[in-house]
Every structure is written in structure tokens, then in C-alpha cells.
Amino acid sequence: MTSPDLITVDSDILGGTPVFKGTRVPVKTLFDYLERNYSLEEFLECFPSVSRTMACLLLERSEAALLAPA
């Protein structure tokens, strides 16, 4: 799964807020849940349109981007 297959930014979907592709679930919602000490399981239960694979890939790519050498 490549980045364009993972996230959609479209002005017609939630005003251009980045969402998981094929859903109306903002990417930020995953981070909000984790910041509030909810588990990934709880997020996935609340947003069944987001697959485990999509959520894990997003987290892996975020980690890689943050830890990449400048």
C-alpha cells in the first residue's frame, strides 16, 4: 500500500481534511485516540471502515518520517 492508497485529501470530503482513503475518518482522529490513551483496538472498533493494515501503516510511516535523519 503506497501513500496515495492510504490517505485522501479532497476538498469535497470534510473540507480537505486528510482522511483514510475510502472513509470519512480523519487521520488526526487516530492520533487523538492514542494521545487520550485509547488502544488501537478501541480506535478500530469505533471506526470499522479503517482497516488494521491502514492504521498500522500510517503509524509506521509517521514514525519513519519523525525519526529520519535531517
PDB file of N, CA and C in Angstrom:
ATOM      1  N   MET A   1       0.859  -1.178   0.000  1.00  0.00           N
ATOM      2  CA  MET A   1       0.000   0.000   0.000  1.00  0.00           C
ATOM      3  C   MET A   1       0.904   1.239   0.000  1.00  0.00           C
ATOM      4  N   THR A   2       0.704   2.110  -0.958  1.00  0.00           N
ATOM      5  CA  THR A   2       1.507   3.331  -1.042  1.00  0.00           C
ATOM      6  C   THR A   2       0.762   4.483  -0.388  1.00  0.00           C
ATOM      7  N   SER A   3       1.456   5.598  -0.180  1.00  0.00           N
ATOM      8  CA  SER A   3       0.825   6.745   0.487  1.00  0.00           C
ATOM      9  C   SER A   3      -0.464   7.196  -0.193  1.00  0.00           C
ATOM     10  N   PRO A   4      -0.490   7.320  -1.512  1.00  0.00           N
ATOM     11  CA  PRO A   4      -1.760   7.730  -2.133  1.00  0.00           C
ATOM     12  C   PRO A   4      -2.885   6.715  -1.901  1.00  0.00           C
ATOM     13  N   ASP A   5      -2.533   5.472  -1.598  1.00  0.00           N
ATOM     14  CA  ASP A   5      -3.541   4.452  -1.315  1.00  0.00           C
ATOM     15  C   ASP A   5      -4.011   4.497   0.132  1.00  0.00           C
ATOM     16  N   LEU A   6      -3.350   5.303   0.954  1.00  0.00           N
ATOM     17  CA  LEU A   6      -3.610   5.320   2.381  1.00  0.00           C
ATOM     18  C   LEU A   6      -4.412   6.539   2.839  1.00  0.00           C
ATOM     19  N   ILE A   7      -4.123   7.691   2.256  1.00  0.00           N
ATOM     20  CA  ILE A   7      -4.733   8.957   2.696  1.00  0.00           C
ATOM     21  C   ILE A   7      -5.322   9.687   1.495  1.00  0.00           C
ATOM     22  N   THR A   8      -6.470  10.307   1.716  1.00  0.00           N
ATOM     23  CA  THR A   8      -7.108  11.138   0.694  1.00  0.00           C
ATOM     24  C   THR A   8      -7.260  12.549   1.236  1.00  0.00           C
ATOM     25  N   VAL A   9      -6.923  13.525   0.387  1.00  0.00           N
ATOM     26  CA  VAL A   9      -7.185  14.930   0.700  1.00  0.00           C
ATOM     27  C   VAL A   9      -8.012  15.462  -0.454  1.00  0.00           C
ATOM     28  N   ASP A  10      -9.270  15.753  -0.167  1.00  0.00           N
ATOM     29  CA  ASP A  10     -10.211  16.178  -1.195  1.00  0.00           C
ATOM     30  C   ASP A  10     -11.107  17.255  -0.594  1.00  0.00           C
ATOM     31  N   SER A  11     -11.191  18.394  -1.247  1.00  0.00           N
ATOM     32  CA  SER A  11     -11.994  19.497  -0.709  1.00  0.00           C
ATOM     33  C   SER A  11     -13.470  19.124  -0.557  1.00  0.00           C
ATOM     34  N   ASP A  12     -13.914  18.096  -1.256  1.00  0.00           N
ATOM     35  CA  ASP A  12     -15.306  17.646  -1.141  1.00  0.00           C
ATOM     36  C   ASP A  12     -15.533  16.681   0.025  1.00  0.00           C
ATOM     37  N   ILE A  13     -14.453  16.240   0.656  1.00  0.00           N
ATOM     38  CA  ILE A  13     -14.563  15.324   1.799  1.00  0.00           C
ATOM     39  C   ILE A  13     -14.032  16.047   3.031  1.00  0.00           C
ATOM     40  N   LEU A  14     -14.926  16.390   3.933  1.00  0.00           N
ATOM     41  CA  LEU A  14     -14.584  17.082   5.180  1.00  0.00           C
ATOM     42  C   LEU A  14     -13.720  18.320   4.949  1.00  0.00           C
ATOM     43  N   GLY A  15     -14.007  19.031   3.861  1.00  0.00           N
ATOM     44  CA  GLY A  15     -13.325  20.290   3.585  1.00  0.00           C
ATOM     45  C   GLY A  15     -11.838  20.162   3.313  1.00  0.00           C
ATOM     46  N   GLY A  16     -11.392  18.989   2.884  1.00  0.00           N
ATOM     47  CA  GLY A  16      -9.981  18.794   2.564  1.00  0.00           C
ATOM     48  C   GLY A  16      -9.152  18.246   3.712  1.00  0.00           C
ATOM     49  N   THR A  17      -9.800  17.890   4.793  1.00  0.00           N
ATOM     50  CA  THR A  17      -9.091  17.261   5.914  1.00  0.00           C
ATOM     51  C   THR A  17      -8.541  15.912   5.456  1.00  0.00           C
ATOM     52  N   PRO A  18      -7.279  15.609   5.739  1.00  0.00           N
ATOM     53  CA  PRO A  18      -6.746  14.292   5.360  1.00  0.00           C
ATOM     54  C   PRO A  18      -7.533  13.174   6.062  1.00  0.00           C
ATOM     55  N   VAL A  19      -8.036  12.245   5.267  1.00  0.00           N
ATOM     56  CA  VAL A  19      -8.807  11.117   5.787  1.00  0.00           C
ATOM     57  C   VAL A  19      -8.198   9.810   5.282  1.00  0.00           C
ATOM     58  N   PHE A  20      -8.495   8.724   5.996  1.00  0.00           N
ATOM     59  CA  PHE A  20      -8.098   7.409   5.493  1.00  0.00           C
ATOM     60  C   PHE A  20      -8.856   7.174   4.197  1.00  0.00           C
ATOM     61  N   LYS A  21      -8.143   6.753   3.168  1.00  0.00           N
ATOM     62  CA  LYS A  21      -8.749   6.559   1.852  1.00  0.00           C
ATOM     63  C   LYS A  21      -9.948   5.616   1.928  1.00  0.00           C
ATOM     64  N   GLY A  22     -11.029   6.025   1.245  1.00  0.00           N
ATOM     65  CA  GLY A  22     -12.239   5.221   1.201  1.00  0.00           C
ATOM     66  C   GLY A  22     -13.130   5.402   2.418  1.00  0.00           C
ATOM     67  N   THR A  23     -12.740   6.349   3.301  1.00  0.00           N
ATOM     68  CA  THR A  23     -13.529   6.593   4.507  1.00  0.00           C
ATOM     69  C   THR A  23     -13.741   8.097   4.670  1.00  0.00           C
ATOM     70  N   ARG A  24     -14.448   8.457   5.712  1.00  0.00           N
ATOM     71  CA  ARG A  24     -14.573   9.853   6.110  1.00  0.00           C
ATOM     72  C   ARG A  24     -13.953  10.031   7.494  1.00  0.00           C
ATOM     73  N   VAL A  25     -12.998   9.164   7.825  1.00  0.00           N
ATOM     74  CA  VAL A  25     -12.341   9.193   9.132  1.00  0.00           C
ATOM     75  C   VAL A  25     -11.052  10.003   9.020  1.00  0.00           C
ATOM     76  N   PRO A  26     -10.993  11.150   9.694  1.00  0.00           N
ATOM     77  CA  PRO A  26      -9.766  11.950   9.639  1.00  0.00           C
ATOM     78  C   PRO A  26      -8.576  11.194  10.231  1.00  0.00           C
ATOM     79  N   VAL A  27      -7.443  11.329   9.597  1.00  0.00           N
ATOM     80  CA  VAL A  27      -6.207  10.735  10.081  1.00  0.00           C
ATOM     81  C   VAL A  27      -5.916  11.220  11.503  1.00  0.00           C
ATOM     82  N   LYS A  28      -6.170  12.480  11.763  1.00  0.00           N
ATOM     83  CA  LYS A  28      -5.918  13.061  13.082  1.00  0.00           C
ATOM     84  C   LYS A  28      -6.686  12.326  14.181  1.00  0.00           C
ATOM     85  N   THR A  29      -7.812  11.747  13.852  1.00  0.00           N
ATOM     86  CA  THR A  29      -8.607  11.034  14.848  1.00  0.00           C
ATOM     87  C   THR A  29      -7.824   9.876  15.457  1.00  0.00           C
ATOM     88  N   LEU A  30      -7.038   9.180  14.645  1.00  0.00           N
ATOM     89  CA  LEU A  30      -6.218   8.090  15.173  1.00  0.00           C
ATOM     90  C   LEU A  30      -5.246   8.633  16.215  1.00  0.00           C
ATOM     91  N   PHE A  31      -4.570   9.721  15.890  1.00  0.00           N
ATOM     92  CA  PHE A  31      -3.614  10.296  16.834  1.00  0.00           C
ATOM     93  C   PHE A  31      -4.321  10.826  18.078  1.00  0.00           C
ATOM     94  N   ASP A  32      -5.489  11.407  17.912  1.00  0.00           N
ATOM     95  CA  ASP A  32      -6.264  11.891  19.058  1.00  0.00           C
ATOM     96  C   ASP A  32      -6.595  10.740  20.005  1.00  0.00           C
ATOM     97  N   TYR A  33      -7.030   9.628  19.462  1.00  0.00           N
ATOM     98  CA  TYR A  33      -7.360   8.463  20.285  1.00  0.00           C
ATOM     99  C   TYR A  33      -6.134   7.979  21.052  1.00  0.00           C
ATOM    100  N   LEU A  34      -5.024   7.853  20.360  1.00  0.00           N
ATOM    101  CA  LEU A  34      -3.815   7.354  21.007  1.00  0.00           C
ATOM    102  C   LEU A  34      -3.310   8.325  22.075  1.00  0.00           C
ATOM    103  N   GLU A  35      -3.408   9.614  21.801  1.00  0.00           N
ATOM    104  CA  GLU A  35      -2.993  10.626  22.779  1.00  0.00           C
ATOM    105  C   GLU A  35      -3.847  10.561  24.040  1.00  0.00           C
ATOM    106  N   ARG A  36      -5.088  10.133  23.903  1.00  0.00           N
ATOM    107  CA  ARG A  36      -6.002  10.050  25.048  1.00  0.00           C
ATOM    108  C   ARG A  36      -5.981   8.659  25.699  1.00  0.00           C
ATOM    109  N   ASN A  37      -4.924   7.899  25.375  1.00  0.00           N
ATOM    110  CA  ASN A  37      -4.695   6.572  25.966  1.00  0.00           C
ATOM    111  C   ASN A  37      -5.708   5.512  25.573  1.00  0.00           C
ATOM    112  N   TYR A  38      -6.380   5.692  24.453  1.00  0.00           N
ATOM    113  CA  TYR A  38      -7.194   4.613  23.907  1.00  0.00           C
ATOM    114  C   TYR A  38      -6.254   3.681  23.146  1.00  0.00           C
ATOM    115  N   SER A  39      -6.612   2.445  23.065  1.00  0.00           N
ATOM    116  CA  SER A  39      -5.783   1.488  22.329  1.00  0.00           C
ATOM    117  C   SER A  39      -6.126   1.536  20.836  1.00  0.00           C
ATOM    118  N   LEU A  40      -5.251   0.955  20.060  1.00  0.00           N
ATOM    119  CA  LEU A  40      -5.518   0.833  18.625  1.00  0.00           C
ATOM    120  C   LEU A  40      -6.779   0.004  18.418  1.00  0.00           C
ATOM    121  N   GLU A  41      -6.960  -1.022  19.233  1.00  0.00           N
ATOM    122  CA  GLU A  41      -8.169  -1.856  19.146  1.00  0.00           C
ATOM    123  C   GLU A  41      -9.429  -1.015  19.334  1.00  0.00           C
ATOM    124  N   GLU A  42      -9.414  -0.128  20.316  1.00  0.00           N
ATOM    125  CA  GLU A  42     -10.585   0.716  20.575  1.00  0.00           C
ATOM    126  C   GLU A  42     -10.860   1.645  19.391  1.00  0.00           C
ATOM    127  N   PHE A  43      -9.801   2.201  18.818  1.00  0.00           N
ATOM    128  CA  PHE A  43      -9.971   3.047  17.633  1.00  0.00           C
ATOM    129  C   PHE A  43     -10.615   2.245  16.510  1.00  0.00           C
ATOM    130  N   LEU A  44     -10.091   1.056  16.254  1.00  0.00           N
ATOM    131  CA  LEU A  44     -10.602   0.228  15.160  1.00  0.00           C
ATOM    132  C   LEU A  44     -12.045  -0.206  15.403  1.00  0.00           C
ATOM    133  N   GLU A  45     -12.410  -0.426  16.655  1.00  0.00           N
ATOM    134  CA  GLU A  45     -13.794  -0.771  16.972  1.00  0.00           C
ATOM    135  C   GLU A  45     -14.733   0.400  16.701  1.00  0.00           C
ATOM    136  N   CYS A  46     -14.267   1.611  16.998  1.00  0.00           N
ATOM    137  CA  CYS A  46     -15.094   2.806  16.792  1.00  0.00           C
ATOM    138  C   CYS A  46     -15.167   3.218  15.323  1.00  0.00           C
ATOM    139  N   PHE A  47     -14.147   2.856  14.553  1.00  0.00           N
ATOM    140  CA  PHE A  47     -14.084   3.250  13.144  1.00  0.00           C
ATOM    141  C   PHE A  47     -13.805   2.019  12.285  1.00  0.00           C
ATOM    142  N   PRO A  48     -14.788   1.144  12.132  1.00  0.00           N
ATOM    143  CA  PRO A  48     -14.573  -0.112  11.408  1.00  0.00           C
ATOM    144  C   PRO A  48     -14.253   0.054   9.921  1.00  0.00           C
ATOM    145  N   SER A  49     -14.453   1.245   9.382  1.00  0.00           N
ATOM    146  CA  SER A  49     -14.111   1.453   7.973  1.00  0.00           C
ATOM    147  C   SER A  49     -12.602   1.602   7.772  1.00  0.00           C
ATOM    148  N   VAL A  50     -11.855   1.780   8.871  1.00  0.00           N
ATOM    149  CA  VAL A  50     -10.389   1.848   8.803  1.00  0.00           C
ATOM    150  C   VAL A  50      -9.862   0.453   9.142  1.00  0.00           C
ATOM    151  N   SER A  51      -9.079  -0.094   8.246  1.00  0.00           N
ATOM    152  CA  SER A  51      -8.526  -1.428   8.498  1.00  0.00           C
ATOM    153  C   SER A  51      -7.307  -1.336   9.421  1.00  0.00           C
ATOM    154  N   ARG A  52      -7.016  -2.437  10.067  1.00  0.00           N
ATOM    155  CA  ARG A  52      -5.822  -2.514  10.912  1.00  0.00           C
ATOM    156  C   ARG A  52      -4.579  -2.205  10.078  1.00  0.00           C
ATOM    157  N   THR A  53      -4.532  -2.730   8.875  1.00  0.00           N
ATOM    158  CA  THR A  53      -3.384  -2.504   7.995  1.00  0.00           C
ATOM    159  C   THR A  53      -3.192  -1.013   7.735  1.00  0.00           C
ATOM    160  N   MET A  54      -4.277  -0.318   7.441  1.00  0.00           N
ATOM    161  CA  MET A  54      -4.179   1.121   7.161  1.00  0.00           C
ATOM    162  C   MET A  54      -3.662   1.880   8.376  1.00  0.00           C
ATOM    163  N   ALA A  55      -4.212   1.584   9.549  1.00  0.00           N
ATOM    164  CA  ALA A  55      -3.804   2.286  10.761  1.00  0.00           C
ATOM    165  C   ALA A  55      -2.338   2.001  11.091  1.00  0.00           C
ATOM    166  N   CYS A  56      -1.932   0.754  10.987  1.00  0.00           N
ATOM    167  CA  CYS A  56      -0.546   0.391  11.296  1.00  0.00           C
ATOM    168  C   CYS A  56       0.434   1.017  10.306  1.00  0.00           C
ATOM    169  N   LEU A  57       0.080   1.011   9.037  1.00  0.00           N
ATOM    170  CA  LEU A  57       0.947   1.645   8.043  1.00  0.00           C
ATOM    171  C   LEU A  57       1.093   3.135   8.293  1.00  0.00           C
ATOM    172  N   LEU A  58       0.010   3.783   8.649  1.00  0.00           N
ATOM    173  CA  LEU A  58       0.078   5.209   8.944  1.00  0.00           C
ATOM    174  C   LEU A  58       1.017   5.467  10.119  1.00  0.00           C
ATOM    175  N   LEU A  59       0.899   4.670  11.168  1.00  0.00           N
ATOM    176  CA  LEU A  59       1.767   4.835  12.329  1.00  0.00           C
ATOM    177  C   LEU A  59       3.227   4.544  11.983  1.00  0.00           C
ATOM    178  N   GLU A  60       3.469   3.516  11.200  1.00  0.00           N
ATOM    179  CA  GLU A  60       4.840   3.177  10.793  1.00  0.00           C
ATOM    180  C   GLU A  60       5.452   4.293   9.960  1.00  0.00           C
ATOM    181  N   ARG A  61       4.695   4.829   9.026  1.00  0.00           N
ATOM    182  CA  ARG A  61       5.210   5.904   8.175  1.00  0.00           C
ATOM    183  C   ARG A  61       5.435   7.184   8.969  1.00  0.00           C
ATOM    184  N   SER A  62       4.577   7.439   9.924  1.00  0.00           N
ATOM    185  CA  SER A  62       4.748   8.619  10.777  1.00  0.00           C
ATOM    186  C   SER A  62       6.021   8.480  11.597  1.00  0.00           C
ATOM    187  N   GLU A  63       6.234   7.304  12.153  1.00  0.00           N
ATOM    188  CA  GLU A  63       7.442   7.065  12.935  1.00  0.00           C
ATOM    189  C   GLU A  63       8.689   7.241  12.060  1.00  0.00           C
ATOM    190  N   ALA A  64       8.670   6.661  10.875  1.00  0.00           N
ATOM    191  CA  ALA A  64       9.812   6.763   9.970  1.00  0.00           C
ATOM    192  C   ALA A  64      10.095   8.215   9.596  1.00  0.00           C
ATOM    193  N   ALA A  65       9.060   8.993   9.353  1.00  0.00           N
ATOM    194  CA  ALA A  65       9.230  10.399   8.997  1.00  0.00           C
ATOM    195  C   ALA A  65       9.815  11.199  10.157  1.00  0.00           C
ATOM    196  N   LEU A  66       9.363  10.894  11.365  1.00  0.00           N
ATOM    197  CA  LEU A  66       9.848  11.621  12.538  1.00  0.00           C
ATOM    198  C   LEU A  66      11.275  11.258  12.911  1.00  0.00           C
ATOM    199  N   LEU A  67      11.662  10.027  12.660  1.00  0.00           N
ATOM    200  CA  LEU A  67      12.992   9.559  13.059  1.00  0.00           C
ATOM    201  C   LEU A  67      14.030   9.595  11.942  1.00  0.00           C
ATOM    202  N   ALA A  68      13.615  10.010  10.751  1.00  0.00           N
ATOM    203  CA  ALA A  68      14.536  10.078   9.618  1.00  0.00           C
ATOM    204  C   ALA A  68      15.593  11.152   9.873  1.00  0.00           C
ATOM    205  N   PRO A  69      16.831  10.875   9.482  1.00  0.00           N
ATOM    206  CA  PRO A  69      17.867  11.894   9.641  1.00  0.00           C
ATOM    207  C   PRO A  69      17.533  13.136   8.804  1.00  0.00           C
ATOM    208  N   ALA A  70      17.886  14.268   9.329  1.00  0.00           N
ATOM    209  CA  ALA A  70      17.588  15.532   8.636  1.00  0.00           C
ATOM    210  C   ALA A  70      18.478  15.740   7.446  1.00  0.00           C
TER     211      ALA A  70
END
